[in-house]
Amino acid sequence: MVALCEFRATPPSAILAAALAKQGLTHQATTADPRLPGVNALLLASRWPLRRVLARRAPREPARFLLAEVTAPTPFTLGAMHVPNRDTGRKWPFLDAVLRLAEAWAHGPAVLIGDTNSGRPGLDEAPTCRAGFNAGEGGWIDGLERAGWRDGFRHLEGETRAYTWYSPNAGNGFRLDQAFLNGDLLPALGTVRYEWGRRHPRAAARPDIPADEAQRSPLSTSRGGFLCTPP
């Protein structure tokens, strides 16, 4: 099962989706709109059938939130998200909607995963960072935990530092990407790790890869490589 952020309705993204299908991830769902090829969206790719789910409490940004039932041997629901940055003015309503959805969830095993542009102050950022996460972002994660949704990485790795975005020039690093599992799915979590990829020599010339992608890790979320496996 793969979840991608910053997926677009562009030829390079279509090539990526086709490559995933060749790896057996033939069941796919996306929020990308061919009429808006430059807009960042989401892609889910699965070995098992997917059924998109509409949730009344979900964020009202259809390109940035995608909820689907996964008909795996042990079925579960996956919610992929790409939370807007603070300067858009859309971040807090988005986070509030995700929290309301999580608090009211009563549909069995589920995971919320993606680029949340959020983290706990002092823990999910480099010690040298001067302007990092704030109490609102940390409080959102605390709220998910109170609602029964655990950050998979923190559940297994405690306070181990890890970054999914890092700038060696500035010495700033952040863990912006997480997977939150509810109590019904958490026992199925075996291992968690972030994986960084290598910069493609032609990446800067590709229209769907930002120029600063050299400091990011290509993965199932927009920046960090987040891999979850069963016990």
Protein backbone atom coordinates (compact mmCIF):
# COMPACT_ATOMS: atom_id res chain seq x y z
CA MET A 1 0.00 0.00 0.00
CA VAL A 2 1.46 3.36 -1.04
CA ALA A 3 0.22 6.90 -0.34
CA LEU A 4 1.81 9.78 -2.25
CA CYS A 5 1.55 13.51 -1.64
CA GLU A 6 2.40 16.14 -4.25
CA PHE A 7 1.07 13.85 -6.96
CA ARG A 8 -0.23 15.79 -9.97
CA ALA A 9 -2.17 15.30 -13.19
CA THR A 10 1.04 15.52 -15.21
CA PRO A 11 2.88 13.04 -17.46
CA PRO A 12 5.68 12.41 -14.91
CA SER A 13 3.12 11.58 -12.22
CA ALA A 14 1.29 9.30 -14.66
CA ILE A 15 4.57 7.48 -15.28
CA LEU A 16 5.00 7.05 -11.54
CA ALA A 17 1.48 5.63 -11.16
CA ALA A 18 2.15 3.21 -14.02
CA ALA A 19 5.40 2.10 -12.39
CA LEU A 20 3.56 1.36 -9.16
CA ALA A 21 0.98 -0.66 -11.10
CA LYS A 22 3.78 -2.74 -12.61
CA GLN A 23 4.88 -3.53 -9.07
CA GLY A 24 1.45 -5.02 -8.38
CA LEU A 25 -0.19 -1.88 -6.93
CA THR A 26 -2.90 -1.94 -9.57
CA HIS A 27 -5.77 -0.57 -7.50
CA GLN A 28 -5.38 3.20 -7.47
CA ALA A 29 -7.28 6.31 -6.45
CA THR A 30 -6.23 9.91 -6.87
CA THR A 31 -7.47 13.41 -6.18
CA ALA A 32 -5.51 14.84 -9.13
CA ASP A 33 -7.67 16.84 -11.56
CA PRO A 34 -6.62 16.86 -15.26
CA ARG A 35 -8.12 20.35 -15.51
CA LEU A 36 -5.64 21.55 -12.86
CA PRO A 37 -2.40 19.72 -13.68
CA GLY A 38 -0.23 22.03 -11.58
CA VAL A 39 -2.14 21.45 -8.33
CA ASN A 40 -0.64 19.12 -5.74
CA ALA A 41 -2.90 16.17 -5.03
CA LEU A 42 -2.78 12.63 -3.62
CA LEU A 43 -2.44 9.10 -4.93
CA LEU A 44 -3.25 5.81 -3.26
CA ALA A 45 -1.91 2.63 -4.84
CA SER A 46 -2.78 -0.78 -3.43
CA ARG A 47 -2.54 -4.51 -4.06
CA TRP A 48 -6.11 -4.79 -2.82
CA PRO A 49 -9.30 -3.10 -4.06
CA LEU A 50 -10.00 0.43 -2.85
CA ARG A 51 -13.35 2.05 -2.21
CA ARG A 52 -13.39 5.80 -1.74
CA VAL A 53 -15.27 7.01 1.31
CA LEU A 54 -16.95 10.37 1.75
CA ALA A 55 -16.89 11.62 5.34
CA ARG A 56 -18.97 14.56 6.49
CA ARG A 57 -16.28 15.71 8.93
CA ALA A 58 -13.38 15.44 6.46
CA PRO A 59 -11.44 18.57 5.43
CA ARG A 60 -13.09 20.55 2.66
CA GLU A 61 -10.07 20.40 0.40
CA PRO A 62 -10.74 17.53 -2.00
CA ALA A 63 -7.25 17.57 -3.54
CA ARG A 64 -5.55 17.30 -0.15
CA PHE A 65 -7.56 14.61 1.65
CA LEU A 66 -8.45 11.15 0.40
CA LEU A 67 -10.24 8.51 2.44
CA ALA A 68 -10.57 4.94 1.18
CA GLU A 69 -11.44 1.48 2.46
CA VAL A 70 -8.73 -1.08 1.69
CA THR A 71 -10.06 -4.58 1.11
CA ALA A 72 -6.94 -6.30 2.42
CA PRO A 73 -7.00 -9.71 4.17
CA THR A 74 -7.54 -7.62 7.30
CA PRO A 75 -9.58 -4.68 5.96
CA PHE A 76 -8.83 -1.15 7.13
CA THR A 77 -9.46 2.45 6.14
CA LEU A 78 -6.68 4.79 5.07
CA GLY A 79 -6.90 8.57 5.08
CA ALA A 80 -4.13 10.32 3.14
CA MET A 81 -3.57 14.02 3.69
CA HIS A 82 -1.37 16.92 2.68
CA VAL A 83 -1.94 19.71 5.18
CA PRO A 84 -1.52 23.29 3.87
CA ASN A 85 1.20 25.54 5.25
CA ARG A 86 0.44 28.17 7.87
CA ASP A 87 0.81 31.12 5.50
CA THR A 88 -2.12 29.91 3.38
CA GLY A 89 -4.57 30.56 6.22
CA ARG A 90 -6.05 27.11 5.56
CA LYS A 91 -3.95 25.02 7.91
CA TRP A 92 -5.94 25.35 11.14
CA PRO A 93 -9.38 24.59 9.63
CA PHE A 94 -7.82 21.55 7.93
CA LEU A 95 -6.24 20.24 11.15
CA ASP A 96 -9.46 20.88 13.08
CA ALA A 97 -11.44 18.85 10.53
CA VAL A 98 -9.02 15.91 10.71
CA LEU A 99 -9.23 15.96 14.50
CA ARG A 100 -13.04 16.01 14.44
CA LEU A 101 -13.02 13.06 12.04
CA ALA A 102 -10.63 11.14 14.28
CA GLU A 103 -12.60 11.87 17.45
CA ALA A 104 -15.84 10.62 15.90
CA TRP A 105 -14.37 7.59 14.10
CA ALA A 106 -16.35 4.39 14.69
CA HIS A 107 -15.59 2.35 11.57
CA GLY A 108 -12.91 -0.08 12.64
CA PRO A 109 -9.16 -0.23 11.90
CA ALA A 110 -7.82 2.96 10.32
CA VAL A 111 -4.71 5.02 9.69
CA LEU A 112 -4.29 8.71 8.88
CA ILE A 113 -1.06 9.30 7.00
CA GLY A 114 0.73 12.02 5.10
CA ASP A 115 2.51 15.34 5.15
CA THR A 116 0.92 17.14 8.08
CA ASN A 117 3.35 20.08 8.10
CA SER A 118 3.12 19.63 11.87
CA GLY A 119 5.05 18.17 14.77
CA ARG A 120 5.75 18.47 18.47
CA PRO A 121 7.83 21.54 19.39
CA GLY A 122 11.33 20.65 20.52
CA LEU A 123 11.03 16.99 19.54
CA ASP A 124 10.15 16.84 15.86
CA GLU A 125 12.57 19.63 14.88
CA ALA A 126 16.32 20.13 15.02
CA PRO A 127 17.63 21.64 18.29
CA THR A 128 19.12 24.50 16.24
CA CYS A 129 15.74 25.46 14.76
CA ARG A 130 14.63 28.93 15.88
CA ALA A 131 11.18 29.09 14.33
CA GLY A 132 9.67 25.64 14.26
CA PHE A 133 6.46 24.04 15.41
CA ASN A 134 4.13 25.87 17.75
CA ALA A 135 1.68 24.93 20.49
CA GLY A 136 -1.19 24.66 18.02
CA GLU A 137 0.54 21.97 15.98
CA GLY A 138 1.75 20.11 19.03
CA GLY A 139 -1.71 20.38 20.57
CA TRP A 140 -3.26 18.86 17.44
CA ILE A 141 -1.05 15.78 17.79
CA ASP A 142 -1.91 15.60 21.49
CA GLY A 143 -5.60 15.77 20.54
CA LEU A 144 -5.23 12.83 18.15
CA GLU A 145 -3.55 10.84 20.91
CA ARG A 146 -6.35 11.62 23.37
CA ALA A 147 -8.81 10.43 20.72
CA GLY A 148 -6.96 7.09 20.53
CA TRP A 149 -4.75 7.68 17.47
CA ARG A 150 -1.06 7.01 18.00
CA ASP A 151 1.85 8.37 15.97
CA GLY A 152 3.27 5.07 14.72
CA PHE A 153 6.87 6.24 14.79
CA ARG A 154 6.68 7.61 18.32
CA HIS A 155 4.78 4.50 19.48
CA LEU A 156 7.72 2.28 18.53
CA GLU A 157 10.70 4.62 18.65
CA GLY A 158 9.89 6.85 21.61
CA GLU A 159 11.72 10.18 21.46
CA THR A 160 14.20 9.13 18.77
CA ARG A 161 14.93 12.07 16.49
CA ALA A 162 14.15 11.69 12.80
CA TYR A 163 13.64 14.26 10.05
CA THR A 164 11.65 14.01 6.84
CA TRP A 165 12.87 17.41 5.62
CA TYR A 166 16.39 18.65 6.21
CA SER A 167 18.46 21.60 5.03
CA PRO A 168 22.19 21.00 5.59
CA ASN A 169 22.95 24.63 4.76
CA ALA A 170 20.65 26.03 7.42
CA GLY A 171 21.03 23.09 9.80
CA ASN A 172 17.25 22.84 10.09
CA GLY A 173 15.39 19.55 10.14
CA PHE A 174 11.74 18.68 10.72
CA ARG A 175 9.64 15.52 10.97
CA LEU A 176 6.65 16.69 8.93
CA ASP A 177 5.24 13.31 7.92
CA GLN A 178 3.44 10.87 10.20
CA ALA A 179 1.08 7.93 10.29
CA PHE A 180 -1.53 7.92 13.06
CA LEU A 181 -3.10 4.53 13.79
CA ASN A 182 -6.23 4.03 15.84
CA GLY A 183 -6.54 1.44 18.58
CA ASP A 184 -8.06 -1.16 16.26
CA LEU A 185 -5.10 -1.07 13.86
CA LEU A 186 -2.20 -0.36 16.22
CA PRO A 187 -1.64 -4.02 17.22
CA ALA A 188 -0.90 -4.79 13.56
CA LEU A 189 2.04 -2.36 13.47
CA GLY A 190 5.38 -4.17 13.42
CA THR A 191 8.10 -1.76 12.29
CA VAL A 192 8.33 1.87 11.23
CA ARG A 193 11.16 3.64 9.46
CA TYR A 194 11.88 6.69 7.33
CA GLU A 195 13.91 6.19 4.17
CA TRP A 196 15.71 8.85 2.18
CA GLY A 197 16.22 8.46 -1.55
CA ARG A 198 18.84 9.80 -3.90
CA ARG A 199 18.50 12.94 -5.98
CA HIS A 200 17.91 12.20 -9.64
CA PRO A 201 20.47 14.15 -11.71
CA ARG A 202 17.69 15.51 -13.92
CA ALA A 203 15.19 16.17 -11.13
CA ALA A 204 15.49 19.97 -11.26
CA ALA A 205 14.43 19.93 -14.90
CA ARG A 206 11.29 17.91 -14.30
CA PRO A 207 8.11 20.00 -14.13
CA ASP A 208 6.55 18.19 -11.18
CA ILE A 209 9.59 18.19 -8.87
CA PRO A 210 10.43 21.41 -7.00
CA ALA A 211 13.94 22.75 -7.27
CA ASP A 212 14.58 22.12 -3.57
CA GLU A 213 13.64 18.44 -3.82
CA ALA A 214 17.30 17.62 -3.25
CA GLN A 215 16.65 18.01 0.47
CA ARG A 216 13.59 15.76 0.49
CA SER A 217 13.10 12.04 0.51
CA PRO A 218 10.75 10.54 -2.11
CA LEU A 219 8.31 8.23 -0.40
CA SER A 220 4.78 7.38 0.45
CA THR A 221 4.33 10.89 1.71
CA SER A 222 5.46 14.15 0.18
CA ARG A 223 8.85 14.38 1.88
CA GLY A 224 9.75 11.55 4.21
CA GLY A 225 9.89 7.87 3.40
CA PHE A 226 7.49 6.35 5.90
CA LEU A 227 7.26 2.57 5.84
CA CYS A 228 4.99 0.52 8.13
CA THR A 229 5.04 -3.26 8.23
CA PRO A 230 3.01 -5.83 10.21
CA PRO A 231 4.57 -7.90 12.99
